[in-house]
PDB file of N, CA and C in Angstrom:
ATOM      1  N   MET A   1       0.840  -1.161   0.000  1.00  0.00           N
ATOM      2  CA  MET A   1       0.000   0.000   0.000  1.00  0.00           C
ATOM      3  C   MET A   1       0.891   1.231   0.000  1.00  0.00           C
ATOM      4  N   MET A   2       0.485   2.232  -0.748  1.00  0.00           N
ATOM      5  CA  MET A   2       1.212   3.500  -0.771  1.00  0.00           C
ATOM      6  C   MET A   2       0.231   4.628  -0.518  1.00  0.00           C
ATOM      7  N   LEU A   3       0.653   5.572   0.302  1.00  0.00           N
ATOM      8  CA  LEU A   3      -0.121   6.782   0.547  1.00  0.00           C
ATOM      9  C   LEU A   3       0.607   7.910  -0.171  1.00  0.00           C
ATOM     10  N   ILE A   4      -0.084   8.579  -1.103  1.00  0.00           N
ATOM     11  CA  ILE A   4       0.521   9.607  -1.944  1.00  0.00           C
ATOM     12  C   ILE A   4      -0.042  10.972  -1.570  1.00  0.00           C
ATOM     13  N   ASP A   5       0.842  11.970  -1.441  1.00  0.00           N
ATOM     14  CA  ASP A   5       0.436  13.347  -1.204  1.00  0.00           C
ATOM     15  C   ASP A   5      -0.163  13.904  -2.496  1.00  0.00           C
ATOM     16  N   THR A   6      -1.426  14.263  -2.468  1.00  0.00           N
ATOM     17  CA  THR A   6      -2.092  14.693  -3.701  1.00  0.00           C
ATOM     18  C   THR A   6      -1.550  16.019  -4.228  1.00  0.00           C
ATOM     19  N   ALA A   7      -1.110  16.903  -3.359  1.00  0.00           N
ATOM     20  CA  ALA A   7      -0.617  18.207  -3.811  1.00  0.00           C
ATOM     21  C   ALA A   7       0.711  18.084  -4.546  1.00  0.00           C
ATOM     22  N   SER A   8       1.620  17.281  -4.023  1.00  0.00           N
ATOM     23  CA  SER A   8       2.956  17.195  -4.613  1.00  0.00           C
ATOM     24  C   SER A   8       3.193  15.928  -5.423  1.00  0.00           C
ATOM     25  N   GLY A   9       2.382  14.894  -5.195  1.00  0.00           N
ATOM     26  CA  GLY A   9       2.596  13.611  -5.842  1.00  0.00           C
ATOM     27  C   GLY A   9       3.659  12.771  -5.157  1.00  0.00           C
ATOM     28  N   ALA A  10       4.151  13.249  -4.024  1.00  0.00           N
ATOM     29  CA  ALA A  10       5.213  12.538  -3.301  1.00  0.00           C
ATOM     30  C   ALA A  10       4.620  11.393  -2.474  1.00  0.00           C
ATOM     31  N   VAL A  11       5.420  10.369  -2.296  1.00  0.00           N
ATOM     32  CA  VAL A  11       5.027   9.211  -1.482  1.00  0.00           C
ATOM     33  C   VAL A  11       5.136   9.597  -0.006  1.00  0.00           C
ATOM     34  N   ARG A  12       4.050   9.424   0.765  1.00  0.00           N
ATOM     35  CA  ARG A  12       4.062   9.730   2.198  1.00  0.00           C
ATOM     36  C   ARG A  12       4.315   8.494   3.048  1.00  0.00           C
ATOM     37  N   ARG A  13       3.843   7.339   2.557  1.00  0.00           N
ATOM     38  CA  ARG A  13       3.996   6.101   3.330  1.00  0.00           C
ATOM     39  C   ARG A  13       3.985   4.909   2.392  1.00  0.00           C
ATOM     40  N   VAL A  14       4.831   3.935   2.703  1.00  0.00           N
ATOM     41  CA  VAL A  14       4.846   2.655   2.004  1.00  0.00           C
ATOM     42  C   VAL A  14       4.645   1.590   3.068  1.00  0.00           C
ATOM     43  N   GLU A  15       3.707   0.690   2.811  1.00  0.00           N
ATOM     44  CA  GLU A  15       3.446  -0.396   3.757  1.00  0.00           C
ATOM     45  C   GLU A  15       3.422  -1.701   2.982  1.00  0.00           C
ATOM     46  N   ARG A  16       4.137  -2.698   3.502  1.00  0.00           N
ATOM     47  CA  ARG A  16       4.163  -4.004   2.841  1.00  0.00           C
ATOM     48  C   ARG A  16       3.799  -5.076   3.858  1.00  0.00           C
ATOM     49  N   ARG A  17       2.842  -5.891   3.474  1.00  0.00           N
ATOM     50  CA  ARG A  17       2.450  -7.037   4.289  1.00  0.00           C
ATOM     51  C   ARG A  17       2.434  -8.263   3.399  1.00  0.00           C
ATOM     52  N   ILE A  18       3.055  -9.334   3.892  1.00  0.00           N
ATOM     53  CA  ILE A  18       3.002 -10.596   3.172  1.00  0.00           C
ATOM     54  C   ILE A  18       2.591 -11.674   4.166  1.00  0.00           C
ATOM     55  N   SER A  19       2.158 -12.794   3.654  1.00  0.00           N
ATOM     56  CA  SER A  19       1.678 -13.859   4.533  1.00  0.00           C
ATOM     57  C   SER A  19       2.819 -14.412   5.375  1.00  0.00           C
ATOM     58  N   PRO A  20       2.524 -14.843   6.595  1.00  0.00           N
ATOM     59  CA  PRO A  20       3.559 -15.444   7.442  1.00  0.00           C
ATOM     60  C   PRO A  20       4.193 -16.671   6.795  1.00  0.00           C
ATOM     61  N   GLN A  21       3.420 -17.440   6.053  1.00  0.00           N
ATOM     62  CA  GLN A  21       3.948 -18.634   5.402  1.00  0.00           C
ATOM     63  C   GLN A  21       4.984 -18.261   4.340  1.00  0.00           C
ATOM     64  N   PHE A  22       4.661 -17.267   3.504  1.00  0.00           N
ATOM     65  CA  PHE A  22       5.594 -16.819   2.470  1.00  0.00           C
ATOM     66  C   PHE A  22       6.844 -16.221   3.111  1.00  0.00           C
ATOM     67  N   ALA A  23       6.654 -15.416   4.155  1.00  0.00           N
ATOM     68  CA  ALA A  23       7.785 -14.786   4.837  1.00  0.00           C
ATOM     69  C   ALA A  23       8.718 -15.838   5.421  1.00  0.00           C
ATOM     70  N   ASP A  24       8.148 -16.850   6.063  1.00  0.00           N
ATOM     71  CA  ASP A  24       8.946 -17.901   6.691  1.00  0.00           C
ATOM     72  C   ASP A  24       9.723 -18.695   5.643  1.00  0.00           C
ATOM     73  N   LYS A  25       9.066 -19.009   4.554  1.00  0.00           N
ATOM     74  CA  LYS A  25       9.671 -19.817   3.485  1.00  0.00           C
ATOM     75  C   LYS A  25      10.788 -19.064   2.759  1.00  0.00           C
ATOM     76  N   ASN A  26      10.671 -17.732   2.660  1.00  0.00           N
ATOM     77  CA  ASN A  26      11.607 -16.921   1.878  1.00  0.00           C
ATOM     78  C   ASN A  26      12.500 -16.014   2.729  1.00  0.00           C
ATOM     79  N   LEU A  27      12.524 -16.260   4.033  1.00  0.00           N
ATOM     80  CA  LEU A  27      13.331 -15.464   4.961  1.00  0.00           C
ATOM     81  C   LEU A  27      13.071 -13.967   4.809  1.00  0.00           C
ATOM     82  N   GLU A  28      11.806 -13.616   4.751  1.00  0.00           N
ATOM     83  CA  GLU A  28      11.373 -12.225   4.605  1.00  0.00           C
ATOM     84  C   GLU A  28      10.764 -11.722   5.904  1.00  0.00           C
ATOM     85  N   ILE A  29      10.652 -10.417   6.018  1.00  0.00           N
ATOM     86  CA  ILE A  29       9.953  -9.795   7.142  1.00  0.00           C
ATOM     87  C   ILE A  29       8.521  -9.531   6.680  1.00  0.00           C
ATOM     88  N   PRO A  30       7.516 -10.031   7.407  1.00  0.00           N
ATOM     89  CA  PRO A  30       6.142  -9.938   6.908  1.00  0.00           C
ATOM     90  C   PRO A  30       5.499  -8.557   6.960  1.00  0.00           C
ATOM     91  N   TYR A  31       5.994  -7.662   7.822  1.00  0.00           N
ATOM     92  CA  TYR A  31       5.346  -6.348   7.943  1.00  0.00           C
ATOM     93  C   TYR A  31       6.411  -5.259   8.013  1.00  0.00           C
ATOM     94  N   ILE A  32       6.358  -4.326   7.063  1.00  0.00           N
ATOM     95  CA  ILE A  32       7.300  -3.201   7.025  1.00  0.00           C
ATOM     96  C   ILE A  32       6.530  -1.944   6.630  1.00  0.00           C
ATOM     97  N   THR A  33       6.805  -0.835   7.320  1.00  0.00           N
ATOM     98  CA  THR A  33       6.272   0.465   6.912  1.00  0.00           C
ATOM     99  C   THR A  33       7.409   1.483   6.897  1.00  0.00           C
ATOM    100  N   ILE A  34       7.333   2.401   5.950  1.00  0.00           N
ATOM    101  CA  ILE A  34       8.283   3.509   5.863  1.00  0.00           C
ATOM    102  C   ILE A  34       7.466   4.777   5.673  1.00  0.00           C
ATOM    103  N   ASP A  35       7.663   5.741   6.575  1.00  0.00           N
ATOM    104  CA  ASP A  35       6.993   7.041   6.474  1.00  0.00           C
ATOM    105  C   ASP A  35       7.977   8.070   5.931  1.00  0.00           C
ATOM    106  N   TYR A  36       7.494   8.916   5.029  1.00  0.00           N
ATOM    107  CA  TYR A  36       8.310   9.950   4.396  1.00  0.00           C
ATOM    108  C   TYR A  36       7.740  11.317   4.724  1.00  0.00           C
ATOM    109  N   ALA A  37       8.606  12.333   4.744  1.00  0.00           N
ATOM    110  CA  ALA A  37       8.173  13.713   4.965  1.00  0.00           C
ATOM    111  C   ALA A  37       9.161  14.639   4.260  1.00  0.00           C
ATOM    112  N   PRO A  38       8.709  15.860   3.951  1.00  0.00           N
ATOM    113  CA  PRO A  38       9.629  16.796   3.305  1.00  0.00           C
ATOM    114  C   PRO A  38      10.708  17.250   4.293  1.00  0.00           C
ATOM    115  N   GLN A  39      11.950  17.223   3.832  1.00  0.00           N
ATOM    116  CA  GLN A  39      13.092  17.633   4.655  1.00  0.00           C
ATOM    117  C   GLN A  39      13.932  18.624   3.855  1.00  0.00           C
ATOM    118  N   ARG A  40      14.308  19.716   4.496  1.00  0.00           N
ATOM    119  CA  ARG A  40      15.136  20.715   3.821  1.00  0.00           C
ATOM    120  C   ARG A  40      16.600  20.319   3.929  1.00  0.00           C
ATOM    121  N   LEU A  41      17.253  20.254   2.772  1.00  0.00           N
ATOM    122  CA  LEU A  41      18.689  20.007   2.709  1.00  0.00           C
ATOM    123  C   LEU A  41      19.292  21.154   1.920  1.00  0.00           C
ATOM    124  N   GLY A  42      19.926  22.080   2.614  1.00  0.00           N
ATOM    125  CA  GLY A  42      20.437  23.275   1.948  1.00  0.00           C
ATOM    126  C   GLY A  42      19.279  24.132   1.484  1.00  0.00           C
ATOM    127  N   GLU A  43      19.259  24.417   0.212  1.00  0.00           N
ATOM    128  CA  GLU A  43      18.202  25.254  -0.365  1.00  0.00           C
ATOM    129  C   GLU A  43      17.059  24.439  -0.969  1.00  0.00           C
ATOM    130  N   GLU A  44      17.178  23.115  -0.960  1.00  0.00           N
ATOM    131  CA  GLU A  44      16.185  22.258  -1.602  1.00  0.00           C
ATOM    132  C   GLU A  44      15.424  21.433  -0.566  1.00  0.00           C
ATOM    133  N   ILE A  45      14.236  20.987  -0.971  1.00  0.00           N
ATOM    134  CA  ILE A  45      13.417  20.130  -0.118  1.00  0.00           C
ATOM    135  C   ILE A  45      13.271  18.771  -0.799  1.00  0.00           C
ATOM    136  N   PHE A  46      13.500  17.713  -0.024  1.00  0.00           N
ATOM    137  CA  PHE A  46      13.397  16.347  -0.520  1.00  0.00           C
ATOM    138  C   PHE A  46      12.441  15.572   0.371  1.00  0.00           C
ATOM    139  N   TRP A  47      11.708  14.633  -0.212  1.00  0.00           N
ATOM    140  CA  TRP A  47      10.880  13.721   0.571  1.00  0.00           C
ATOM    141  C   TRP A  47      11.776  12.557   0.983  1.00  0.00           C
ATOM    142  N   LEU A  48      12.064  12.462   2.275  1.00  0.00           N
ATOM    143  CA  LEU A  48      12.990  11.457   2.787  1.00  0.00           C
ATOM    144  C   LEU A  48      12.319  10.600   3.850  1.00  0.00           C
ATOM    145  N   PRO A  49      12.822   9.393   4.073  1.00  0.00           N
ATOM    146  CA  PRO A  49      12.282   8.555   5.143  1.00  0.00           C
ATOM    147  C   PRO A  49      12.501   9.221   6.501  1.00  0.00           C
ATOM    148  N   ILE A  50      11.476   9.216   7.330  1.00  0.00           N
ATOM    149  CA  ILE A  50      11.620   9.752   8.685  1.00  0.00           C
ATOM    150  C   ILE A  50      11.361   8.674   9.742  1.00  0.00           C
ATOM    151  N   ARG A  51      10.700   7.578   9.330  1.00  0.00           N
ATOM    152  CA  ARG A  51      10.403   6.499  10.281  1.00  0.00           C
ATOM    153  C   ARG A  51      10.291   5.184   9.520  1.00  0.00           C
ATOM    154  N   PHE A  52      10.876   4.144  10.093  1.00  0.00           N
ATOM    155  CA  PHE A  52      10.853   2.803   9.518  1.00  0.00           C
ATOM    156  C   PHE A  52      10.446   1.847  10.631  1.00  0.00           C
ATOM    157  N   GLU A  53       9.523   0.938  10.323  1.00  0.00           N
ATOM    158  CA  GLU A  53       9.083  -0.047  11.311  1.00  0.00           C
ATOM    159  C   GLU A  53       8.998  -1.420  10.665  1.00  0.00           C
ATOM    160  N   ALA A  54       9.483  -2.423  11.370  1.00  0.00           N
ATOM    161  CA  ALA A  54       9.416  -3.808  10.892  1.00  0.00           C
ATOM    162  C   ALA A  54       9.071  -4.708  12.075  1.00  0.00           C
ATOM    163  N   ILE A  55       8.220  -5.698  11.820  1.00  0.00           N
ATOM    164  CA  ILE A  55       7.838  -6.668  12.846  1.00  0.00           C
ATOM    165  C   ILE A  55       8.178  -8.047  12.315  1.00  0.00           C
ATOM    166  N   ASP A  56       8.822  -8.864  13.152  1.00  0.00           N
ATOM    167  CA  ASP A  56       9.262 -10.182  12.699  1.00  0.00           C
ATOM    168  C   ASP A  56       8.097 -11.159  12.555  1.00  0.00           C
ATOM    169  N   LEU A  57       8.421 -12.322  12.046  1.00  0.00           N
ATOM    170  CA  LEU A  57       7.416 -13.326  11.698  1.00  0.00           C
ATOM    171  C   LEU A  57       6.507 -13.705  12.859  1.00  0.00           C
ATOM    172  N   HIS A  58       7.073 -13.924  14.014  1.00  0.00           N
ATOM    173  CA  HIS A  58       6.278 -14.389  15.154  1.00  0.00           C
ATOM    174  C   HIS A  58       5.937 -13.256  16.114  1.00  0.00           C
ATOM    175  N   GLN A  59       6.116 -12.025  15.652  1.00  0.00           N
ATOM    176  CA  GLN A  59       5.836 -10.812  16.410  1.00  0.00           C
ATOM    177  C   GLN A  59       6.523 -10.819  17.770  1.00  0.00           C
ATOM    178  N   GLN A  60       7.718 -11.381  17.803  1.00  0.00           N
ATOM    179  CA  GLN A  60       8.508 -11.375  19.024  1.00  0.00           C
ATOM    180  C   GLN A  60       9.472 -10.195  19.048  1.00  0.00           C
ATOM    181  N   GLY A  61       9.715  -9.622  17.898  1.00  0.00           N
ATOM    182  CA  GLY A  61      10.639  -8.497  17.814  1.00  0.00           C
ATOM    183  C   GLY A  61      10.085  -7.409  16.923  1.00  0.00           C
ATOM    184  N   ARG A  62      10.392  -6.185  17.272  1.00  0.00           N
ATOM    185  CA  ARG A  62       9.939  -5.048  16.487  1.00  0.00           C
ATOM    186  C   ARG A  62      11.092  -4.059  16.414  1.00  0.00           C
ATOM    187  N   MET A  63      11.335  -3.555  15.222  1.00  0.00           N
ATOM    188  CA  MET A  63      12.373  -2.553  15.040  1.00  0.00           C
ATOM    189  C   MET A  63      11.739  -1.266  14.566  1.00  0.00           C
ATOM    190  N   ILE A  64      12.067  -0.185  15.236  1.00  0.00           N
ATOM    191  CA  ILE A  64      11.599   1.133  14.829  1.00  0.00           C
ATOM    192  C   ILE A  64      12.816   2.046  14.740  1.00  0.00           C
ATOM    193  N   ALA A  65      12.979   2.687  13.600  1.00  0.00           N
ATOM    194  CA  ALA A  65      14.074   3.637  13.411  1.00  0.00           C
ATOM    195  C   ALA A  65      13.485   4.972  12.993  1.00  0.00           C
ATOM    196  N   SER A  66      13.976   6.044  13.594  1.00  0.00           N
ATOM    197  CA  SER A  66      13.558   7.396  13.231  1.00  0.00           C
ATOM    198  C   SER A  66      14.761   8.146  12.685  1.00  0.00           C
ATOM    199  N   TYR A  67      14.525   8.924  11.647  1.00  0.00           N
ATOM    200  CA  TYR A  67      15.594   9.681  11.002  1.00  0.00           C
ATOM    201  C   TYR A  67      15.306  11.168  11.142  1.00  0.00           C
ATOM    202  N   SER A  68      16.337  11.936  11.472  1.00  0.00           N
ATOM    203  CA  SER A  68      16.192  13.389  11.566  1.00  0.00           C
ATOM    204  C   SER A  68      17.553  14.032  11.318  1.00  0.00           C
ATOM    205  N   ASN A  69      17.548  15.331  11.152  1.00  0.00           N
ATOM    206  CA  ASN A  69      18.778  16.095  10.963  1.00  0.00           C
ATOM    207  C   ASN A  69      19.617  15.517   9.817  1.00  0.00           C
ATOM    208  N   CYS A  70      18.972  15.266   8.681  1.00  0.00           N
ATOM    209  CA  CYS A  70      19.657  14.681   7.524  1.00  0.00           C
ATOM    210  C   CYS A  70      20.617  15.688   6.910  1.00  0.00           C
ATOM    211  N   HIS A  71      21.676  15.170   6.306  1.00  0.00           N
ATOM    212  CA  HIS A  71      22.665  15.994   5.625  1.00  0.00           C
ATOM    213  C   HIS A  71      22.826  15.489   4.194  1.00  0.00           C
ATOM    214  N   ARG A  72      23.107  16.394   3.317  1.00  0.00           N
ATOM    215  CA  ARG A  72      23.309  16.041   1.915  1.00  0.00           C
ATOM    216  C   ARG A  72      24.796  16.089   1.605  1.00  0.00           C
ATOM    217  N   TYR A  73      25.279  15.014   1.040  1.00  0.00           N
ATOM    218  CA  TYR A  73      26.672  14.938   0.631  1.00  0.00           C
ATOM    219  C   TYR A  73      26.712  14.889  -0.890  1.00  0.00           C
ATOM    220  N   THR A  74      27.493  15.744  -1.472  1.00  0.00           N
ATOM    221  CA  THR A  74      27.608  15.776  -2.927  1.00  0.00           C
ATOM    222  C   THR A  74      29.078  15.729  -3.316  1.00  0.00           C
ATOM    223  N   VAL A  75      29.314  15.404  -4.563  1.00  0.00           N
ATOM    224  CA  VAL A  75      30.657  15.364  -5.087  1.00  0.00           C
ATOM    225  C   VAL A  75      30.635  15.916  -6.506  1.00  0.00           C
ATOM    226  N   THR A  76      31.699  16.562  -6.871  1.00  0.00           N
ATOM    227  CA  THR A  76      31.870  17.027  -8.234  1.00  0.00           C
ATOM    228  C   THR A  76      33.081  16.322  -8.805  1.00  0.00           C
ATOM    229  N   SER A  77      32.908  15.668  -9.931  1.00  0.00           N
ATOM    230  CA  SER A  77      34.012  14.938 -10.574  1.00  0.00           C
ATOM    231  C   SER A  77      34.378  15.635 -11.872  1.00  0.00           C
ATOM    232  N   LYS A  78      35.654  15.606 -12.159  1.00  0.00           N
ATOM    233  CA  LYS A  78      36.138  16.198 -13.400  1.00  0.00           C
ATOM    234  C   LYS A  78      37.093  15.212 -14.061  1.00  0.00           C
ATOM    235  N   MET A  79      36.812  14.877 -15.311  1.00  0.00           N
ATOM    236  CA  MET A  79      37.681  13.959 -16.045  1.00  0.00           C
ATOM    237  C   MET A  79      38.656  14.792 -16.876  1.00  0.00           C
ATOM    238  N   VAL A  80      39.920  14.446 -16.720  1.00  0.00           N
ATOM    239  CA  VAL A  80      40.954  15.167 -17.455  1.00  0.00           C
ATOM    240  C   VAL A  80      41.653  14.189 -18.389  1.00  0.00           C
ATOM    241  N   ILE A  81      41.721  14.544 -19.647  1.00  0.00           N
ATOM    242  CA  ILE A  81      42.403  13.695 -20.632  1.00  0.00           C
ATOM    243  C   ILE A  81      43.803  14.255 -20.804  1.00  0.00           C
ATOM    244  N   PRO A  82      44.822  13.441 -20.515  1.00  0.00           N
ATOM    245  CA  PRO A  82      46.215  13.933 -20.623  1.00  0.00           C
ATOM    246  C   PRO A  82      46.634  14.188 -22.054  1.00  0.00           C
TER     247      PRO A  82
END
């Protein structure tokens, strides 16, 4: 499932659910969600992940990660022909 921001067309949330049987057979995580929000990096705004959640097959473990204070790293390359 995807939740899309109608004004910008940006993805706000991605949610994936698969059956426990398929997850167990394929070593997958059955439930994952990723939330996105606009984040300013320098002079530009990007839709970046701000929260990630995953629950294991038998719901014995849950991982939640939050992202903030993102930084943009860029590089400029120049090819020189001798």
